[in-house]
Amino acid sequence: MTEQIDYVVERAFDEVEVRRYPGMLLATVPGMSDDAAFGILFDYITGTNRSRMRIPMTTPVISSEKVSERIPMTVPVVSDESSFSFILPSRYTRSTAPEPQDDRMRLEELPERHVAVLRFRGRAGGREVARKTDILLDALARNGRKPKGTPFLMRYNPPFIPGFLRRNEVAIEVEG
């Protein structure tokens, strides 16, 4: 069974949930396209690391709202304009995670944070993601919540799942 990152819903308004996510360990590839970074990270979790250890997948897939390339399958990922990351399962720490073999990849710790999230179904194309991001940011402004950083997209299903069954979320970190 695929691990899903745990969170606590602290507040809900309009269609938005404000969630508290725990600290996470990320495997990150900076400065590459999603497809290229995905390949490096997929190799890492399937055993191309110094320990030759396979790492189970975690959901959701997370990518920057400004990234329009498709992600070929559901894995734990975080992306911004200059990086793409898989979230490692919660049992790993910086000291217990396998060391990357590929020097284009690094391990990073993300601290606990508060994230505002708007859920939607269907395919997560660029226009739909932009539209949902606007709805999220408008709801935050109306409710006095201050966003931090760049909006991102979280996907929970592999690409073979029909669009109407897919769970997607646009999100942005907010002040606690």
C-alpha atoms as a PDB file:
ATOM      1  CA  MET A   1       0.000   0.000   0.000  1.00  0.00           C
ATOM      2  CA  THR A   2       1.241   3.477  -0.867  1.00  0.00           C
ATOM      3  CA  GLU A   3       1.925   5.754   2.085  1.00  0.00           C
ATOM      4  CA  GLN A   4       0.116   9.082   1.998  1.00  0.00           C
ATOM      5  CA  ILE A   5       1.578  12.064   3.810  1.00  0.00           C
ATOM      6  CA  ASP A   6      -0.435  12.683   6.990  1.00  0.00           C
ATOM      7  CA  TYR A   7      -1.848  16.109   7.762  1.00  0.00           C
ATOM      8  CA  VAL A   8      -4.243  17.747  10.196  1.00  0.00           C
ATOM      9  CA  VAL A   9      -7.036  20.027   8.949  1.00  0.00           C
ATOM     10  CA  GLU A  10      -6.883  23.080  11.207  1.00  0.00           C
ATOM     11  CA  ARG A  11      -9.477  25.263   9.507  1.00  0.00           C
ATOM     12  CA  ALA A  12     -11.865  25.163   6.547  1.00  0.00           C
ATOM     13  CA  PHE A  13     -13.569  28.022   4.693  1.00  0.00           C
ATOM     14  CA  ASP A  14     -15.153  28.324   1.271  1.00  0.00           C
ATOM     15  CA  GLU A  15     -13.715  25.304  -0.595  1.00  0.00           C
ATOM     16  CA  VAL A  16     -10.347  25.608   1.171  1.00  0.00           C
ATOM     17  CA  GLU A  17      -8.726  23.567   3.937  1.00  0.00           C
ATOM     18  CA  VAL A  18      -5.777  24.899   5.934  1.00  0.00           C
ATOM     19  CA  ARG A  19      -3.682  21.879   6.844  1.00  0.00           C
ATOM     20  CA  ARG A  20      -0.679  21.348   9.078  1.00  0.00           C
ATOM     21  CA  TYR A  21       1.838  19.029   7.436  1.00  0.00           C
ATOM     22  CA  PRO A  22       4.686  17.448   9.390  1.00  0.00           C
ATOM     23  CA  GLY A  23       8.314  17.918   8.489  1.00  0.00           C
ATOM     24  CA  MET A  24       9.331  15.893   5.432  1.00  0.00           C
ATOM     25  CA  LEU A  25      12.482  14.565   3.846  1.00  0.00           C
ATOM     26  CA  LEU A  26      12.803  15.296   0.140  1.00  0.00           C
ATOM     27  CA  ALA A  27      14.950  13.856  -2.616  1.00  0.00           C
ATOM     28  CA  THR A  28      15.483  16.892  -4.885  1.00  0.00           C
ATOM     29  CA  VAL A  29      16.836  17.522  -8.367  1.00  0.00           C
ATOM     30  CA  PRO A  30      17.248  21.264  -9.040  1.00  0.00           C
ATOM     31  CA  GLY A  31      17.263  23.059 -12.378  1.00  0.00           C
ATOM     32  CA  MET A  32      15.907  20.374 -14.725  1.00  0.00           C
ATOM     33  CA  SER A  33      12.669  19.688 -16.555  1.00  0.00           C
ATOM     34  CA  ASP A  34      10.118  17.589 -14.685  1.00  0.00           C
ATOM     35  CA  ASP A  35      10.632  14.627 -17.019  1.00  0.00           C
ATOM     36  CA  ALA A  36      14.418  14.633 -16.656  1.00  0.00           C
ATOM     37  CA  ALA A  37      14.283  15.135 -12.872  1.00  0.00           C
ATOM     38  CA  PHE A  38      11.574  12.478 -12.556  1.00  0.00           C
ATOM     39  CA  GLY A  39      13.839   9.905 -14.220  1.00  0.00           C
ATOM     40  CA  ILE A  40      16.702  10.640 -11.827  1.00  0.00           C
ATOM     41  CA  LEU A  41      14.424  10.480  -8.798  1.00  0.00           C
ATOM     42  CA  PHE A  42      12.654   7.338  -9.995  1.00  0.00           C
ATOM     43  CA  ASP A  43      16.055   5.654 -10.418  1.00  0.00           C
ATOM     44  CA  TYR A  44      16.929   6.710  -6.863  1.00  0.00           C
ATOM     45  CA  ILE A  45      13.816   5.162  -5.277  1.00  0.00           C
ATOM     46  CA  THR A  46      14.134   1.976  -7.341  1.00  0.00           C
ATOM     47  CA  GLY A  47      17.625   1.265  -6.015  1.00  0.00           C
ATOM     48  CA  THR A  48      20.103   3.466  -7.873  1.00  0.00           C
ATOM     49  CA  ASN A  49      21.520   4.824  -4.617  1.00  0.00           C
ATOM     50  CA  ARG A  50      24.637   4.050  -2.586  1.00  0.00           C
ATOM     51  CA  SER A  51      22.774   1.454  -0.470  1.00  0.00           C
ATOM     52  CA  ARG A  52      21.021  -0.109  -3.501  1.00  0.00           C
ATOM     53  CA  MET A  53      17.869   0.130  -1.374  1.00  0.00           C
ATOM     54  CA  ARG A  54      14.377   0.373  -2.899  1.00  0.00           C
ATOM     55  CA  ILE A  55      12.255   3.128  -1.360  1.00  0.00           C
ATOM     56  CA  PRO A  56       8.447   2.792  -1.344  1.00  0.00           C
ATOM     57  CA  MET A  57       6.419   5.439  -3.104  1.00  0.00           C
ATOM     58  CA  THR A  58       4.500   8.079  -1.183  1.00  0.00           C
ATOM     59  CA  THR A  59       1.584  10.240  -2.326  1.00  0.00           C
ATOM     60  CA  PRO A  60       0.759  12.903  -3.352  1.00  0.00           C
ATOM     61  CA  VAL A  61       2.807  14.031  -6.330  1.00  0.00           C
ATOM     62  CA  ILE A  62       3.572  17.704  -5.877  1.00  0.00           C
ATOM     63  CA  SER A  63       4.657  20.080  -8.631  1.00  0.00           C
ATOM     64  CA  SER A  64       4.814  23.806  -9.086  1.00  0.00           C
ATOM     65  CA  GLU A  65       1.732  25.436 -10.554  1.00  0.00           C
ATOM     66  CA  LYS A  66       3.979  27.078 -13.162  1.00  0.00           C
ATOM     67  CA  VAL A  67       5.233  23.708 -14.398  1.00  0.00           C
ATOM     68  CA  SER A  68       3.084  22.493 -17.281  1.00  0.00           C
ATOM     69  CA  GLU A  69       4.777  19.195 -18.083  1.00  0.00           C
ATOM     70  CA  ARG A  70       2.944  15.976 -17.237  1.00  0.00           C
ATOM     71  CA  ILE A  71       4.252  13.704 -14.513  1.00  0.00           C
ATOM     72  CA  PRO A  72       4.304  10.138 -15.825  1.00  0.00           C
ATOM     73  CA  MET A  73       3.162   8.380 -12.636  1.00  0.00           C
ATOM     74  CA  THR A  74       2.160   9.051  -9.053  1.00  0.00           C
ATOM     75  CA  VAL A  75       5.071   9.307  -6.675  1.00  0.00           C
ATOM     76  CA  PRO A  76       6.017  11.672  -3.876  1.00  0.00           C
ATOM     77  CA  VAL A  77       7.185  14.857  -5.562  1.00  0.00           C
ATOM     78  CA  VAL A  78       7.688  18.528  -4.761  1.00  0.00           C
ATOM     79  CA  SER A  79       8.550  20.992  -7.509  1.00  0.00           C
ATOM     80  CA  ASP A  80       9.149  24.699  -7.857  1.00  0.00           C
ATOM     81  CA  GLU A  81      10.540  26.760 -10.724  1.00  0.00           C
ATOM     82  CA  SER A  82      14.009  25.326 -10.235  1.00  0.00           C
ATOM     83  CA  SER A  83      13.580  21.936  -8.559  1.00  0.00           C
ATOM     84  CA  PHE A  84      11.605  18.710  -8.517  1.00  0.00           C
ATOM     85  CA  SER A  85      11.412  16.489  -5.426  1.00  0.00           C
ATOM     86  CA  PHE A  86      10.035  13.186  -4.207  1.00  0.00           C
ATOM     87  CA  ILE A  87       8.810  13.100  -0.617  1.00  0.00           C
ATOM     88  CA  LEU A  88      10.406  10.128   1.102  1.00  0.00           C
ATOM     89  CA  PRO A  89       8.304   7.868   3.366  1.00  0.00           C
ATOM     90  CA  SER A  90       8.002   9.158   6.931  1.00  0.00           C
ATOM     91  CA  ARG A  91      10.188   6.407   8.399  1.00  0.00           C
ATOM     92  CA  TYR A  92      13.279   7.947   6.748  1.00  0.00           C
ATOM     93  CA  THR A  93      15.427  10.665   8.256  1.00  0.00           C
ATOM     94  CA  ARG A  94      18.392  12.421   6.710  1.00  0.00           C
ATOM     95  CA  SER A  95      20.674   9.909   8.441  1.00  0.00           C
ATOM     96  CA  THR A  96      18.698   6.758   7.474  1.00  0.00           C
ATOM     97  CA  ALA A  97      17.762   7.590   3.863  1.00  0.00           C
ATOM     98  CA  PRO A  98      19.967   6.021   1.195  1.00  0.00           C
ATOM     99  CA  GLU A  99      22.647   8.391  -0.074  1.00  0.00           C
ATOM    100  CA  PRO A 100      22.102   9.441  -3.706  1.00  0.00           C
ATOM    101  CA  GLN A 101      24.576   8.178  -6.313  1.00  0.00           C
ATOM    102  CA  ASP A 102      23.674  10.868  -8.830  1.00  0.00           C
ATOM    103  CA  ASP A 103      25.335  14.177  -7.935  1.00  0.00           C
ATOM    104  CA  ARG A 104      22.452  16.085  -9.579  1.00  0.00           C
ATOM    105  CA  MET A 105      20.271  15.016  -6.640  1.00  0.00           C
ATOM    106  CA  ARG A 106      20.338  15.969  -2.963  1.00  0.00           C
ATOM    107  CA  LEU A 107      18.389  15.213   0.218  1.00  0.00           C
ATOM    108  CA  GLU A 108      16.583  18.158   1.849  1.00  0.00           C
ATOM    109  CA  GLU A 109      14.520  18.538   4.992  1.00  0.00           C
ATOM    110  CA  LEU A 110      11.279  20.510   4.837  1.00  0.00           C
ATOM    111  CA  PRO A 111      10.029  21.722   8.247  1.00  0.00           C
ATOM    112  CA  GLU A 112       6.453  21.428   9.506  1.00  0.00           C
ATOM    113  CA  ARG A 113       4.260  23.954   7.721  1.00  0.00           C
ATOM    114  CA  HIS A 114       0.710  25.180   7.194  1.00  0.00           C
ATOM    115  CA  VAL A 115      -0.698  24.774   3.691  1.00  0.00           C
ATOM    116  CA  ALA A 116      -3.971  26.066   2.216  1.00  0.00           C
ATOM    117  CA  VAL A 117      -5.491  23.511  -0.175  1.00  0.00           C
ATOM    118  CA  LEU A 118      -8.307  23.492  -2.725  1.00  0.00           C
ATOM    119  CA  ARG A 119      -9.356  20.011  -3.935  1.00  0.00           C
ATOM    120  CA  PHE A 120     -10.669  19.260  -7.420  1.00  0.00           C
ATOM    121  CA  ARG A 121     -11.299  16.275  -9.698  1.00  0.00           C
ATOM    122  CA  GLY A 122     -10.322  15.679 -13.299  1.00  0.00           C
ATOM    123  CA  ARG A 123      -7.201  16.179 -15.327  1.00  0.00           C
ATOM    124  CA  ALA A 124      -4.830  18.786 -13.959  1.00  0.00           C
ATOM    125  CA  GLY A 125      -4.021  20.737 -17.099  1.00  0.00           C
ATOM    126  CA  GLY A 126      -2.393  24.163 -17.037  1.00  0.00           C
ATOM    127  CA  ARG A 127      -5.567  26.195 -17.516  1.00  0.00           C
ATOM    128  CA  GLU A 128      -7.524  24.270 -14.883  1.00  0.00           C
ATOM    129  CA  VAL A 129      -4.659  24.495 -12.403  1.00  0.00           C
ATOM    130  CA  ALA A 130      -4.368  28.264 -13.027  1.00  0.00           C
ATOM    131  CA  ARG A 131      -8.131  28.687 -12.566  1.00  0.00           C
ATOM    132  CA  LYS A 132      -8.165  26.680  -9.327  1.00  0.00           C
ATOM    133  CA  THR A 133      -5.088  28.554  -8.074  1.00  0.00           C
ATOM    134  CA  ASP A 134      -6.895  31.865  -8.636  1.00  0.00           C
ATOM    135  CA  ILE A 135      -9.895  30.548  -6.667  1.00  0.00           C
ATOM    136  CA  LEU A 136      -7.573  29.452  -3.833  1.00  0.00           C
ATOM    137  CA  LEU A 137      -5.726  32.789  -3.676  1.00  0.00           C
ATOM    138  CA  ASP A 138      -9.003  34.761  -3.789  1.00  0.00           C
ATOM    139  CA  ALA A 139     -10.419  32.667  -0.913  1.00  0.00           C
ATOM    140  CA  LEU A 140      -7.276  33.295   1.134  1.00  0.00           C
ATOM    141  CA  ALA A 141      -7.504  37.052   0.536  1.00  0.00           C
ATOM    142  CA  ARG A 142     -11.206  37.134   1.504  1.00  0.00           C
ATOM    143  CA  ASN A 143     -10.453  35.209   4.700  1.00  0.00           C
ATOM    144  CA  GLY A 144      -7.377  37.155   5.789  1.00  0.00           C
ATOM    145  CA  ARG A 145      -4.836  34.353   5.238  1.00  0.00           C
ATOM    146  CA  LYS A 146      -1.428  35.421   3.956  1.00  0.00           C
ATOM    147  CA  PRO A 147       0.224  33.065   1.427  1.00  0.00           C
ATOM    148  CA  LYS A 148       3.954  32.330   1.420  1.00  0.00           C
ATOM    149  CA  GLY A 149       5.964  31.030  -1.506  1.00  0.00           C
ATOM    150  CA  THR A 150       4.782  29.585  -4.791  1.00  0.00           C
ATOM    151  CA  PRO A 151       1.506  27.710  -5.402  1.00  0.00           C
ATOM    152  CA  PHE A 152       1.899  24.024  -6.199  1.00  0.00           C
ATOM    153  CA  LEU A 153      -0.169  21.118  -7.464  1.00  0.00           C
ATOM    154  CA  MET A 154      -0.670  17.829  -5.608  1.00  0.00           C
ATOM    155  CA  ARG A 155      -1.791  14.740  -7.545  1.00  0.00           C
ATOM    156  CA  TYR A 156      -2.851  11.509  -5.908  1.00  0.00           C
ATOM    157  CA  ASN A 157      -3.459   9.120  -8.812  1.00  0.00           C
ATOM    158  CA  PRO A 158      -1.415   7.460 -11.558  1.00  0.00           C
ATOM    159  CA  PRO A 159      -2.051   8.595 -15.147  1.00  0.00           C
ATOM    160  CA  PHE A 160      -4.095   5.518 -16.104  1.00  0.00           C
ATOM    161  CA  ILE A 161      -6.913   6.543 -13.708  1.00  0.00           C
ATOM    162  CA  PRO A 162      -9.775   8.206 -15.647  1.00  0.00           C
ATOM    163  CA  GLY A 163      -9.843  11.976 -15.193  1.00  0.00           C
ATOM    164  CA  PHE A 164     -13.216  12.073 -13.448  1.00  0.00           C
ATOM    165  CA  LEU A 165     -11.834   9.762 -10.724  1.00  0.00           C
ATOM    166  CA  ARG A 166      -8.605  11.699 -10.134  1.00  0.00           C
ATOM    167  CA  ARG A 167      -7.958  13.642  -6.944  1.00  0.00           C
ATOM    168  CA  ASN A 168      -5.937  16.831  -7.374  1.00  0.00           C
ATOM    169  CA  GLU A 169      -5.253  19.782  -5.102  1.00  0.00           C
ATOM    170  CA  VAL A 170      -3.777  23.223  -5.635  1.00  0.00           C
ATOM    171  CA  ALA A 171      -1.976  24.482  -2.565  1.00  0.00           C
ATOM    172  CA  ILE A 172       0.219  27.201  -1.141  1.00  0.00           C
ATOM    173  CA  GLU A 173       2.016  27.565   2.169  1.00  0.00           C
ATOM    174  CA  VAL A 174       0.357  30.083   4.494  1.00  0.00           C
ATOM    175  CA  GLU A 175       1.420  31.789   7.677  1.00  0.00           C
ATOM    176  CA  GLY A 176       0.522  29.678  10.706  1.00  0.00           C
END
